[in-house]
Amino acid sequence: MQIDREFEEEKYSIEELEHIACCVLLELKHAKLDKDTAEALNEISKKYNIPQIFNKPKYKKLADNNNAAPATFPSLPSHLAGEVIIGEVCREPCRKNLTVTDLDGGQQRLSLSKDHVEKFFKPMLKEEENLVKGIPVTVYDHPQGKGYEMMFKFWSGKMYVLTTPRWNQFKIDHALIPSQQVTVWLFRNLKTDNLCFAIALGSVHDGSRAH
């Protein structure tokens, strides 16, 4: 199969392959499959003893988090598969309508809900990751998968932001406008263990509730 050759060429570790398999199966958990696909997946599950993999503590936690999470993480495009393997994912994304300030070229930042960051994003940080100093992150657009290097930080002692001139480039590349809805996910790259974000773009809504 083509997908088998692609995985062989990437030379993933057993741990990475197990993680990919678990993520794919969790993503398919609620999908409606035709009979042939369902039977093929069942055979693969038996062949590679997938239930035993899910019993490993770290994958059991992944499954438990998936069951509890109310939203689905947007799949990154296939051309990123060789460099970005999604590890730990925040339980809930941050949704907001873009404000005029978010799109001000002089500000160079996207503000994030303080309450949301402290409840869902900060628990994923390591002790050495300092939001006051700023944490380097890669921000991926969805669904294109282009990466933008930014800083995730607590800005001016009052708000959490994604910042640097690359936010301005992101804004230009996607022709963002006030009141447009965005969904912001935080996750870790399984290979590098670095923090990353994915931003999915939505439609334009009434901006009265924007952060």
N, C-alpha and C. Protein backbone atom coordinates (compact mmCIF):
# COMPACT_ATOMS: atom_id res chain seq x y z
N MET A 1 0.84 -1.20 0.00
CA MET A 1 0.00 0.00 0.00
C MET A 1 0.87 1.25 0.00
N GLN A 2 0.37 2.33 -0.63
CA GLN A 2 1.12 3.58 -0.70
C GLN A 2 1.41 4.14 0.68
N ILE A 3 0.40 4.08 1.56
CA ILE A 3 0.59 4.64 2.89
C ILE A 3 1.67 3.89 3.65
N ASP A 4 1.78 2.56 3.44
CA ASP A 4 2.83 1.78 4.09
C ASP A 4 4.20 2.26 3.65
N ARG A 5 4.38 2.50 2.34
CA ARG A 5 5.67 2.96 1.84
C ARG A 5 6.02 4.33 2.40
N GLU A 6 5.01 5.21 2.53
CA GLU A 6 5.26 6.54 3.08
C GLU A 6 5.75 6.44 4.52
N PHE A 7 5.13 5.57 5.30
CA PHE A 7 5.55 5.43 6.69
C PHE A 7 6.95 4.82 6.79
N GLU A 8 7.26 3.87 5.90
CA GLU A 8 8.59 3.28 5.91
C GLU A 8 9.66 4.32 5.58
N GLU A 9 9.36 5.18 4.59
CA GLU A 9 10.32 6.20 4.20
C GLU A 9 10.57 7.20 5.32
N GLU A 10 9.54 7.49 6.12
CA GLU A 10 9.70 8.45 7.21
C GLU A 10 10.48 7.87 8.37
N LYS A 11 10.58 6.52 8.45
CA LYS A 11 11.33 5.86 9.52
C LYS A 11 10.85 6.30 10.91
N TYR A 12 9.56 6.17 11.14
CA TYR A 12 9.00 6.48 12.45
C TYR A 12 9.45 5.44 13.47
N SER A 13 9.55 5.86 14.72
CA SER A 13 9.82 4.92 15.79
C SER A 13 8.54 4.14 16.09
N ILE A 14 8.69 3.02 16.81
CA ILE A 14 7.52 2.23 17.20
C ILE A 14 6.56 3.09 18.03
N GLU A 15 7.12 3.90 18.93
CA GLU A 15 6.28 4.75 19.78
C GLU A 15 5.47 5.74 18.93
N GLU A 16 6.12 6.32 17.92
CA GLU A 16 5.43 7.29 17.06
C GLU A 16 4.35 6.61 16.23
N LEU A 17 4.65 5.41 15.72
CA LEU A 17 3.65 4.68 14.94
C LEU A 17 2.45 4.30 15.80
N GLU A 18 2.72 3.88 17.04
CA GLU A 18 1.62 3.55 17.95
C GLU A 18 0.75 4.78 18.19
N HIS A 19 1.40 5.93 18.39
CA HIS A 19 0.65 7.15 18.66
C HIS A 19 -0.20 7.54 17.46
N ILE A 20 0.38 7.45 16.27
CA ILE A 20 -0.37 7.78 15.05
C ILE A 20 -1.58 6.86 14.91
N ALA A 21 -1.36 5.55 15.14
CA ALA A 21 -2.45 4.59 15.02
C ALA A 21 -3.58 4.90 15.99
N CYS A 22 -3.21 5.23 17.23
CA CYS A 22 -4.23 5.54 18.24
C CYS A 22 -5.01 6.79 17.86
N CYS A 23 -4.30 7.83 17.39
CA CYS A 23 -4.97 9.07 17.01
C CYS A 23 -5.93 8.84 15.85
N VAL A 24 -5.49 8.06 14.85
CA VAL A 24 -6.34 7.79 13.70
C VAL A 24 -7.59 7.02 14.12
N LEU A 25 -7.41 6.01 14.96
CA LEU A 25 -8.55 5.20 15.38
C LEU A 25 -9.53 6.02 16.22
N LEU A 26 -8.99 6.90 17.07
CA LEU A 26 -9.87 7.76 17.87
C LEU A 26 -10.65 8.71 16.97
N GLU A 27 -9.98 9.21 15.92
CA GLU A 27 -10.64 10.12 14.99
C GLU A 27 -11.77 9.41 14.25
N LEU A 28 -11.60 8.08 14.01
CA LEU A 28 -12.60 7.32 13.27
C LEU A 28 -13.70 6.75 14.17
N LYS A 29 -13.55 6.96 15.47
CA LYS A 29 -14.43 6.30 16.42
C LYS A 29 -15.91 6.55 16.13
N HIS A 30 -16.24 7.78 15.77
CA HIS A 30 -17.65 8.13 15.54
C HIS A 30 -17.98 8.25 14.05
N ALA A 31 -17.03 7.84 13.20
CA ALA A 31 -17.26 7.94 11.75
C ALA A 31 -18.18 6.81 11.28
N LYS A 32 -18.95 7.11 10.24
CA LYS A 32 -19.80 6.09 9.63
C LYS A 32 -19.00 5.41 8.52
N LEU A 33 -18.72 4.12 8.69
CA LEU A 33 -17.89 3.39 7.75
C LEU A 33 -18.72 2.39 6.96
N ASP A 34 -18.30 2.17 5.70
CA ASP A 34 -18.97 1.13 4.95
C ASP A 34 -18.50 -0.23 5.45
N LYS A 35 -19.18 -1.28 5.07
CA LYS A 35 -18.92 -2.62 5.60
C LYS A 35 -17.49 -3.07 5.34
N ASP A 36 -16.99 -2.86 4.11
CA ASP A 36 -15.64 -3.32 3.76
C ASP A 36 -14.58 -2.60 4.60
N THR A 37 -14.73 -1.28 4.77
CA THR A 37 -13.76 -0.52 5.56
C THR A 37 -13.79 -0.96 7.01
N ALA A 38 -14.98 -1.15 7.55
CA ALA A 38 -15.12 -1.58 8.95
C ALA A 38 -14.46 -2.94 9.17
N GLU A 39 -14.67 -3.86 8.22
CA GLU A 39 -14.08 -5.20 8.35
C GLU A 39 -12.56 -5.13 8.24
N ALA A 40 -12.05 -4.28 7.34
CA ALA A 40 -10.60 -4.13 7.17
C ALA A 40 -9.96 -3.57 8.44
N LEU A 41 -10.60 -2.57 9.04
CA LEU A 41 -10.07 -1.99 10.28
C LEU A 41 -10.11 -3.00 11.41
N ASN A 42 -11.15 -3.81 11.44
CA ASN A 42 -11.25 -4.84 12.47
C ASN A 42 -10.11 -5.86 12.34
N GLU A 43 -9.77 -6.23 11.10
CA GLU A 43 -8.67 -7.17 10.87
C GLU A 43 -7.33 -6.56 11.29
N ILE A 44 -7.14 -5.27 10.98
CA ILE A 44 -5.90 -4.59 11.38
C ILE A 44 -5.80 -4.54 12.90
N SER A 45 -6.93 -4.26 13.56
CA SER A 45 -6.94 -4.19 15.02
C SER A 45 -6.52 -5.52 15.63
N LYS A 46 -7.01 -6.63 15.05
CA LYS A 46 -6.65 -7.95 15.55
C LYS A 46 -5.18 -8.26 15.26
N LYS A 47 -4.73 -7.94 14.04
CA LYS A 47 -3.36 -8.26 13.62
C LYS A 47 -2.33 -7.59 14.50
N TYR A 48 -2.56 -6.31 14.82
CA TYR A 48 -1.56 -5.55 15.58
C TYR A 48 -1.92 -5.39 17.06
N ASN A 49 -2.97 -6.09 17.48
CA ASN A 49 -3.38 -6.10 18.89
C ASN A 49 -3.57 -4.67 19.41
N ILE A 50 -4.37 -3.89 18.69
CA ILE A 50 -4.62 -2.50 19.05
C ILE A 50 -5.19 -2.35 20.47
N PRO A 51 -6.13 -3.23 20.90
CA PRO A 51 -6.64 -3.08 22.27
C PRO A 51 -5.53 -3.11 23.32
N GLN A 52 -4.48 -3.93 23.09
CA GLN A 52 -3.38 -3.99 24.05
C GLN A 52 -2.60 -2.68 24.07
N ILE A 53 -2.44 -2.06 22.90
CA ILE A 53 -1.76 -0.76 22.84
C ILE A 53 -2.54 0.28 23.64
N PHE A 54 -3.86 0.28 23.49
CA PHE A 54 -4.68 1.26 24.20
C PHE A 54 -4.65 1.05 25.72
N ASN A 55 -4.24 -0.15 26.16
CA ASN A 55 -4.15 -0.40 27.59
C ASN A 55 -2.89 0.20 28.21
N LYS A 56 -1.92 0.60 27.37
CA LYS A 56 -0.74 1.27 27.90
C LYS A 56 -1.19 2.59 28.54
N PRO A 57 -0.64 2.94 29.70
CA PRO A 57 -1.12 4.13 30.44
C PRO A 57 -1.23 5.40 29.61
N LYS A 58 -0.20 5.70 28.79
CA LYS A 58 -0.24 6.98 28.06
C LYS A 58 -1.31 6.99 26.98
N TYR A 59 -1.59 5.82 26.37
CA TYR A 59 -2.61 5.78 25.33
C TYR A 59 -4.00 5.65 25.93
N LYS A 60 -4.08 5.04 27.11
CA LYS A 60 -5.36 5.00 27.82
C LYS A 60 -5.78 6.42 28.18
N LYS A 61 -4.80 7.24 28.60
CA LYS A 61 -5.08 8.64 28.92
C LYS A 61 -5.54 9.39 27.67
N LEU A 62 -4.89 9.09 26.53
CA LEU A 62 -5.27 9.72 25.26
C LEU A 62 -6.71 9.39 24.92
N ALA A 63 -7.09 8.13 25.09
CA ALA A 63 -8.46 7.71 24.79
C ALA A 63 -9.45 8.35 25.75
N ASP A 64 -9.09 8.41 27.04
CA ASP A 64 -9.97 9.03 28.03
C ASP A 64 -10.19 10.50 27.71
N ASN A 65 -9.10 11.20 27.33
CA ASN A 65 -9.22 12.61 26.99
C ASN A 65 -10.09 12.80 25.76
N ASN A 66 -9.96 11.88 24.80
CA ASN A 66 -10.77 11.97 23.59
C ASN A 66 -12.24 11.79 23.90
N ASN A 67 -12.54 10.88 24.83
CA ASN A 67 -13.93 10.66 25.20
C ASN A 67 -14.52 11.87 25.89
N ALA A 68 -13.67 12.59 26.65
CA ALA A 68 -14.16 13.72 27.42
C ALA A 68 -14.23 15.00 26.61
N ALA A 69 -13.39 15.10 25.58
CA ALA A 69 -13.30 16.35 24.83
C ALA A 69 -14.56 16.56 23.99
N PRO A 70 -15.18 17.74 24.09
CA PRO A 70 -16.41 17.99 23.34
C PRO A 70 -16.16 18.36 21.89
N ALA A 71 -14.92 18.72 21.54
CA ALA A 71 -14.64 19.15 20.17
C ALA A 71 -13.57 18.26 19.55
N THR A 72 -13.51 18.24 18.22
CA THR A 72 -12.55 17.40 17.50
C THR A 72 -11.39 18.24 17.01
N PHE A 73 -10.18 17.76 17.24
CA PHE A 73 -9.00 18.47 16.78
C PHE A 73 -8.93 18.43 15.27
N PRO A 74 -8.67 19.57 14.62
CA PRO A 74 -8.62 19.57 13.15
C PRO A 74 -7.41 18.79 12.66
N SER A 75 -7.61 17.88 11.73
CA SER A 75 -6.51 17.08 11.20
C SER A 75 -5.55 17.97 10.41
N LEU A 76 -4.25 17.84 10.70
CA LEU A 76 -3.27 18.57 9.92
C LEU A 76 -3.11 17.89 8.57
N PRO A 77 -2.78 18.65 7.53
CA PRO A 77 -2.67 18.06 6.19
C PRO A 77 -1.56 17.03 6.10
N SER A 78 -1.69 16.12 5.15
CA SER A 78 -0.78 14.98 5.05
C SER A 78 0.67 15.39 4.80
N HIS A 79 0.91 16.54 4.13
CA HIS A 79 2.29 16.89 3.82
C HIS A 79 3.07 17.31 5.06
N LEU A 80 2.39 17.45 6.21
CA LEU A 80 3.09 17.75 7.45
C LEU A 80 3.40 16.49 8.25
N ALA A 81 2.93 15.35 7.77
CA ALA A 81 3.03 14.13 8.57
C ALA A 81 4.47 13.78 8.93
N GLY A 82 5.42 14.11 8.05
CA GLY A 82 6.80 13.75 8.32
C GLY A 82 7.45 14.58 9.39
N GLU A 83 6.93 15.77 9.68
CA GLU A 83 7.58 16.64 10.65
C GLU A 83 6.70 16.98 11.85
N VAL A 84 5.40 16.84 11.72
CA VAL A 84 4.51 17.17 12.82
C VAL A 84 3.66 15.97 13.16
N ILE A 85 3.90 15.40 14.33
CA ILE A 85 3.04 14.34 14.85
C ILE A 85 2.39 14.89 16.09
N ILE A 86 1.08 14.93 16.09
CA ILE A 86 0.35 15.56 17.19
C ILE A 86 0.46 14.70 18.44
N GLY A 87 0.98 15.30 19.50
CA GLY A 87 1.06 14.62 20.78
C GLY A 87 -0.10 15.04 21.66
N GLU A 88 0.21 15.54 22.84
CA GLU A 88 -0.83 15.98 23.77
C GLU A 88 -1.58 17.17 23.18
N VAL A 89 -2.90 17.16 23.29
CA VAL A 89 -3.74 18.21 22.74
C VAL A 89 -4.58 18.82 23.85
N CYS A 90 -4.78 20.14 23.81
CA CYS A 90 -5.63 20.79 24.81
C CYS A 90 -7.04 20.21 24.74
N ARG A 91 -7.70 20.17 25.88
CA ARG A 91 -9.02 19.56 25.94
C ARG A 91 -10.08 20.38 25.20
N GLU A 92 -9.88 21.68 25.12
CA GLU A 92 -10.89 22.54 24.52
C GLU A 92 -10.21 23.70 23.79
N PRO A 93 -10.55 23.96 22.53
CA PRO A 93 -9.94 25.07 21.81
C PRO A 93 -10.49 26.41 22.27
N CYS A 94 -9.78 27.46 21.93
CA CYS A 94 -10.24 28.82 22.22
C CYS A 94 -10.91 29.38 20.97
N ARG A 95 -12.17 29.73 21.08
CA ARG A 95 -12.91 30.29 19.95
C ARG A 95 -13.17 31.77 20.19
N LYS A 96 -12.99 32.56 19.17
CA LYS A 96 -13.23 33.99 19.32
C LYS A 96 -13.53 34.63 17.98
N ASN A 97 -14.09 35.83 18.02
CA ASN A 97 -14.25 36.65 16.83
C ASN A 97 -13.12 37.67 16.82
N LEU A 98 -12.46 37.83 15.71
CA LEU A 98 -11.34 38.76 15.62
C LEU A 98 -11.80 40.20 15.84
N THR A 99 -10.99 40.95 16.57
CA THR A 99 -11.29 42.35 16.82
C THR A 99 -10.43 43.23 15.92
N VAL A 100 -10.77 44.51 15.88
CA VAL A 100 -9.97 45.47 15.12
C VAL A 100 -8.55 45.50 15.67
N THR A 101 -8.41 45.40 16.99
CA THR A 101 -7.08 45.42 17.62
C THR A 101 -6.26 44.20 17.21
N ASP A 102 -6.90 43.04 17.10
CA ASP A 102 -6.19 41.83 16.66
C ASP A 102 -5.55 42.05 15.29
N LEU A 103 -6.19 42.86 14.46
CA LEU A 103 -5.75 43.04 13.08
C LEU A 103 -4.97 44.33 12.87
N ASP A 104 -4.68 45.04 13.96
CA ASP A 104 -3.90 46.27 13.89
C ASP A 104 -2.43 45.92 13.63
N GLY A 105 -1.88 46.38 12.52
CA GLY A 105 -0.51 46.04 12.17
C GLY A 105 0.51 46.50 13.19
N GLY A 106 0.20 47.55 13.94
CA GLY A 106 1.13 48.03 14.95
C GLY A 106 1.15 47.17 16.20
N GLN A 107 0.06 46.46 16.47
CA GLN A 107 -0.02 45.61 17.66
C GLN A 107 0.71 44.28 17.47
N GLN A 108 0.60 43.72 16.28
CA GLN A 108 1.28 42.46 15.94
C GLN A 108 0.96 41.33 16.91
N ARG A 109 -0.31 41.18 17.24
CA ARG A 109 -0.65 40.11 18.17
C ARG A 109 -2.10 39.69 18.05
N LEU A 110 -2.36 38.42 18.40
CA LEU A 110 -3.71 37.87 18.52
C LEU A 110 -3.97 37.63 19.99
N SER A 111 -4.97 38.28 20.55
CA SER A 111 -5.27 38.08 21.97
C SER A 111 -6.11 36.82 22.15
N LEU A 112 -5.88 36.15 23.28
CA LEU A 112 -6.61 34.93 23.63
C LEU A 112 -7.31 35.12 24.96
N SER A 113 -8.44 34.50 25.11
CA SER A 113 -9.22 34.63 26.34
C SER A 113 -8.38 34.25 27.56
N LYS A 114 -8.26 35.16 28.52
CA LYS A 114 -7.47 34.91 29.73
C LYS A 114 -8.02 33.72 30.49
N ASP A 115 -9.34 33.68 30.66
CA ASP A 115 -9.95 32.57 31.40
C ASP A 115 -9.69 31.24 30.71
N HIS A 116 -9.79 31.24 29.37
CA HIS A 116 -9.60 29.99 28.64
C HIS A 116 -8.16 29.51 28.72
N VAL A 117 -7.21 30.42 28.53
CA VAL A 117 -5.80 30.03 28.60
C VAL A 117 -5.47 29.44 29.96
N GLU A 118 -5.95 30.07 31.02
CA GLU A 118 -5.60 29.60 32.36
C GLU A 118 -6.28 28.28 32.70
N LYS A 119 -7.43 28.03 32.11
CA LYS A 119 -8.15 26.77 32.40
C LYS A 119 -7.68 25.62 31.53
N PHE A 120 -7.44 25.88 30.23
CA PHE A 120 -7.17 24.78 29.31
C PHE A 120 -5.74 24.74 28.75
N PHE A 121 -5.09 25.89 28.59
CA PHE A 121 -3.77 25.91 27.96
C PHE A 121 -2.63 25.81 28.98
N LYS A 122 -2.72 26.58 30.05
CA LYS A 122 -1.61 26.61 31.02
C LYS A 122 -1.31 25.25 31.65
N PRO A 123 -2.32 24.39 31.89
CA PRO A 123 -2.00 23.07 32.47
C PRO A 123 -1.07 22.23 31.59
N MET A 124 -0.96 22.56 30.30
CA MET A 124 -0.08 21.80 29.41
C MET A 124 1.36 22.30 29.44
N LEU A 125 1.62 23.42 30.09
CA LEU A 125 2.97 23.98 30.09
C LEU A 125 3.88 23.24 31.05
N LYS A 126 5.16 23.21 30.70
CA LYS A 126 6.17 22.64 31.58
C LYS A 126 6.67 23.71 32.54
N GLU A 127 7.31 23.27 33.62
CA GLU A 127 7.76 24.21 34.64
C GLU A 127 8.70 25.27 34.08
N GLU A 128 9.54 24.86 33.13
CA GLU A 128 10.53 25.79 32.58
C GLU A 128 9.96 26.72 31.50
N GLU A 129 8.73 26.49 31.07
CA GLU A 129 8.12 27.34 30.04
C GLU A 129 7.47 28.55 30.70
N ASN A 130 8.02 29.72 30.41
CA ASN A 130 7.65 30.95 31.10
C ASN A 130 6.87 31.88 30.17
N LEU A 131 5.61 32.10 30.50
CA LEU A 131 4.77 32.93 29.64
C LEU A 131 5.10 34.42 29.76
N VAL A 132 5.70 34.82 30.85
CA VAL A 132 6.09 36.23 30.98
C VAL A 132 7.24 36.54 30.02
N LYS A 133 8.22 35.64 29.97
CA LYS A 133 9.33 35.81 29.03
C LYS A 133 8.90 35.50 27.60
N GLY A 134 7.93 34.61 27.46
CA GLY A 134 7.46 34.21 26.14
C GLY A 134 7.96 32.83 25.76
N ILE A 135 7.12 32.06 25.12
CA ILE A 135 7.46 30.70 24.69
C ILE A 135 7.43 30.65 23.16
N PRO A 136 8.54 30.31 22.52
CA PRO A 136 8.52 30.18 21.05
C PRO A 136 7.59 29.04 20.64
N VAL A 137 6.72 29.30 19.68
CA VAL A 137 5.77 28.29 19.20
C VAL A 137 5.68 28.37 17.68
N THR A 138 5.26 27.27 17.08
CA THR A 138 4.92 27.27 15.66
C THR A 138 3.41 27.24 15.54
N VAL A 139 2.86 28.16 14.77
CA VAL A 139 1.42 28.26 14.58
C VAL A 139 1.09 27.78 13.16
N TYR A 140 0.25 26.75 13.05
CA TYR A 140 -0.12 26.20 11.75
C TYR A 140 -1.52 26.67 11.37
N ASP A 141 -1.65 27.08 10.10
CA ASP A 141 -3.00 27.40 9.63
C ASP A 141 -3.70 26.11 9.23
N HIS A 142 -5.00 26.12 9.32
CA HIS A 142 -5.79 24.93 8.98
C HIS A 142 -6.80 25.32 7.91
N PRO A 143 -6.87 24.61 6.78
CA PRO A 143 -6.28 23.28 6.58
C PRO A 143 -4.96 23.27 5.80
N GLN A 144 -4.41 24.43 5.42
CA GLN A 144 -3.21 24.41 4.57
C GLN A 144 -2.00 23.79 5.27
N GLY A 145 -1.83 24.08 6.56
CA GLY A 145 -0.72 23.50 7.30
C GLY A 145 0.57 24.28 7.20
N LYS A 146 0.52 25.54 6.79
CA LYS A 146 1.72 26.37 6.73
C LYS A 146 2.09 26.82 8.14
N GLY A 147 3.38 26.77 8.47
CA GLY A 147 3.83 27.13 9.80
C GLY A 147 4.33 28.56 9.91
N TYR A 148 4.01 29.21 11.02
CA TYR A 148 4.45 30.58 11.31
C TYR A 148 5.07 30.58 12.71
N GLU A 149 6.30 31.08 12.81
CA GLU A 149 6.97 31.12 14.11
C GLU A 149 6.49 32.35 14.89
N MET A 150 5.98 32.12 16.10
CA MET A 150 5.47 33.22 16.93
C MET A 150 5.89 33.01 18.38
N MET A 151 5.44 33.92 19.24
CA MET A 151 5.67 33.82 20.68
C MET A 151 4.32 33.75 21.38
N PHE A 152 4.21 32.81 22.31
CA PHE A 152 3.03 32.70 23.17
C PHE A 152 3.42 33.31 24.50
N LYS A 153 2.74 34.40 24.91
CA LYS A 153 3.19 35.06 26.12
C LYS A 153 2.07 35.80 26.84
N PHE A 154 2.36 36.13 28.10
CA PHE A 154 1.48 36.97 28.90
C PHE A 154 1.94 38.40 28.66
N TRP A 155 1.12 39.18 27.97
CA TRP A 155 1.52 40.46 27.39
C TRP A 155 1.07 41.63 28.24
N SER A 156 2.02 42.50 28.57
CA SER A 156 1.73 43.73 29.33
C SER A 156 1.06 43.45 30.67
N GLY A 157 1.27 42.24 31.19
CA GLY A 157 0.72 41.91 32.50
C GLY A 157 -0.79 41.82 32.55
N LYS A 158 -1.45 41.68 31.38
CA LYS A 158 -2.92 41.68 31.42
C LYS A 158 -3.60 40.71 30.46
N MET A 159 -2.89 40.23 29.41
CA MET A 159 -3.57 39.34 28.46
C MET A 159 -2.58 38.35 27.86
N TYR A 160 -3.13 37.23 27.39
CA TYR A 160 -2.33 36.21 26.71
C TYR A 160 -2.45 36.43 25.21
N VAL A 161 -1.31 36.31 24.52
CA VAL A 161 -1.31 36.61 23.09
C VAL A 161 -0.39 35.66 22.33
N LEU A 162 -0.64 35.58 21.03
CA LEU A 162 0.32 35.05 20.06
C LEU A 162 0.84 36.28 19.33
N THR A 163 2.17 36.47 19.34
CA THR A 163 2.70 37.72 18.84
C THR A 163 3.97 37.53 18.02
N THR A 164 4.50 38.59 17.48
CA THR A 164 5.64 38.79 16.57
C THR A 164 5.10 39.22 15.20
N PRO A 165 5.96 39.79 14.36
CA PRO A 165 5.51 40.21 13.02
C PRO A 165 4.91 39.09 12.18
N ARG A 166 5.20 37.84 12.52
CA ARG A 166 4.64 36.73 11.75
C ARG A 166 3.12 36.67 11.88
N TRP A 167 2.58 37.20 12.98
CA TRP A 167 1.12 37.27 13.07
C TRP A 167 0.58 38.20 11.99
N ASN A 168 1.28 39.31 11.73
CA ASN A 168 0.86 40.20 10.65
C ASN A 168 0.87 39.47 9.31
N GLN A 169 1.88 38.63 9.10
CA GLN A 169 1.95 37.87 7.85
C GLN A 169 0.81 36.87 7.76
N PHE A 170 0.51 36.22 8.88
CA PHE A 170 -0.62 35.29 8.93
C PHE A 170 -1.91 36.02 8.54
N LYS A 171 -2.08 37.21 9.11
CA LYS A 171 -3.27 38.03 8.83
C LYS A 171 -3.37 38.37 7.35
N ILE A 172 -2.24 38.76 6.74
CA ILE A 172 -2.23 39.12 5.33
C ILE A 172 -2.48 37.90 4.44
N ASP A 173 -1.80 36.79 4.76
CA ASP A 173 -1.93 35.58 3.95
C ASP A 173 -3.37 35.08 3.88
N HIS A 174 -4.13 35.32 4.95
CA HIS A 174 -5.49 34.79 5.01
C HIS A 174 -6.56 35.86 4.89
N ALA A 175 -6.12 37.09 4.60
CA ALA A 175 -7.06 38.20 4.39
C ALA A 175 -8.09 38.28 5.52
N LEU A 176 -7.60 38.23 6.75
CA LEU A 176 -8.50 38.23 7.91
C LEU A 176 -9.20 39.58 8.05
N ILE A 177 -10.42 39.53 8.56
CA ILE A 177 -11.21 40.75 8.74
C ILE A 177 -11.86 40.75 10.12
N PRO A 178 -12.21 41.93 10.65
CA PRO A 178 -12.86 42.00 11.96
C PRO A 178 -14.14 41.17 12.00
N SER A 179 -14.40 40.57 13.14
CA SER A 179 -15.57 39.73 13.41
C SER A 179 -15.48 38.33 12.81
N GLN A 180 -14.39 38.05 12.08
CA GLN A 180 -14.23 36.68 11.57
C GLN A 180 -13.93 35.75 12.74
N GLN A 181 -14.54 34.59 12.73
CA GLN A 181 -14.35 33.64 13.82
C GLN A 181 -13.11 32.78 13.58
N VAL A 182 -12.34 32.55 14.64
CA VAL A 182 -11.20 31.65 14.57
C VAL A 182 -11.28 30.66 15.73
N THR A 183 -10.74 29.47 15.51
CA THR A 183 -10.65 28.46 16.55
C THR A 183 -9.18 28.13 16.74
N VAL A 184 -8.70 28.26 17.97
CA VAL A 184 -7.27 28.14 18.26
C VAL A 184 -7.02 26.93 19.15
N TRP A 185 -6.20 25.99 18.64
CA TRP A 185 -5.85 24.78 19.38
C TRP A 185 -4.40 24.85 19.83
N LEU A 186 -4.13 24.30 21.00
CA LEU A 186 -2.76 24.14 21.49
C LEU A 186 -2.44 22.65 21.54
N PHE A 187 -1.25 22.28 21.07
CA PHE A 187 -0.84 20.88 21.13
C PHE A 187 0.68 20.80 21.20
N ARG A 188 1.19 19.62 21.48
CA ARG A 188 2.64 19.40 21.47
C ARG A 188 3.02 18.53 20.28
N ASN A 189 4.13 18.89 19.65
CA ASN A 189 4.70 18.08 18.59
C ASN A 189 5.32 16.85 19.25
N LEU A 190 4.85 15.66 18.91
CA LEU A 190 5.32 14.45 19.57
C LEU A 190 6.81 14.23 19.37
N LYS A 191 7.34 14.62 18.20
CA LYS A 191 8.77 14.40 17.92
C LYS A 191 9.66 15.36 18.70
N THR A 192 9.29 16.65 18.73
CA THR A 192 10.15 17.66 19.36
C THR A 192 9.72 18.01 20.77
N ASP A 193 8.49 17.69 21.13
CA ASP A 193 7.88 18.05 22.41
C ASP A 193 7.67 19.55 22.55
N ASN A 194 7.79 20.29 21.44
CA ASN A 194 7.58 21.74 21.48
C ASN A 194 6.09 22.06 21.40
N LEU A 195 5.72 23.20 22.00
CA LEU A 195 4.35 23.67 21.90
C LEU A 195 4.06 24.18 20.50
N CYS A 196 2.87 23.89 20.01
CA CYS A 196 2.43 24.37 18.70
C CYS A 196 0.96 24.79 18.81
N PHE A 197 0.54 25.61 17.87
CA PHE A 197 -0.86 25.99 17.77
C PHE A 197 -1.36 25.66 16.37
N ALA A 198 -2.66 25.43 16.26
CA ALA A 198 -3.32 25.33 14.97
C ALA A 198 -4.50 26.29 15.00
N ILE A 199 -4.63 27.10 13.96
CA ILE A 199 -5.73 28.06 13.88
C ILE A 199 -6.61 27.71 12.69
N ALA A 200 -7.88 27.41 12.99
CA ALA A 200 -8.86 27.13 11.95
C ALA A 200 -9.70 28.39 11.74
N LEU A 201 -9.89 28.77 10.49
CA LEU A 201 -10.61 30.00 10.17
C LEU A 201 -12.07 29.71 9.89
N GLY A 202 -12.93 30.58 10.41
CA GLY A 202 -14.36 30.41 10.22
C GLY A 202 -14.96 31.58 9.47
N SER A 203 -16.25 31.72 9.61
CA SER A 203 -16.98 32.77 8.89
C SER A 203 -17.03 34.05 9.72
N VAL A 204 -17.68 35.06 9.19
CA VAL A 204 -17.81 36.35 9.87
C VAL A 204 -19.08 36.35 10.70
N HIS A 205 -18.95 36.77 11.97
CA HIS A 205 -20.09 36.83 12.88
C HIS A 205 -20.17 38.21 13.50
N ASP A 206 -21.22 38.43 14.24
CA ASP A 206 -21.35 39.67 15.00
C ASP A 206 -20.18 39.77 15.96
N GLY A 207 -19.41 40.82 15.89
CA GLY A 207 -18.20 40.94 16.71
C GLY A 207 -18.44 41.46 18.10
N SER A 208 -19.68 41.59 18.55
CA SER A 208 -19.94 42.18 19.86
C SER A 208 -19.42 41.34 21.00
N ARG A 209 -19.19 40.03 20.76
CA ARG A 209 -18.72 39.16 21.83
C ARG A 209 -17.24 38.83 21.68
N ALA A 210 -16.55 39.46 20.76
CA ALA A 210 -15.13 39.17 20.55
C ALA A 210 -14.31 39.60 21.74
N HIS A 211 -13.22 38.85 22.01
CA HIS A 211 -12.35 39.18 23.13
C HIS A 211 -11.47 40.36 22.78
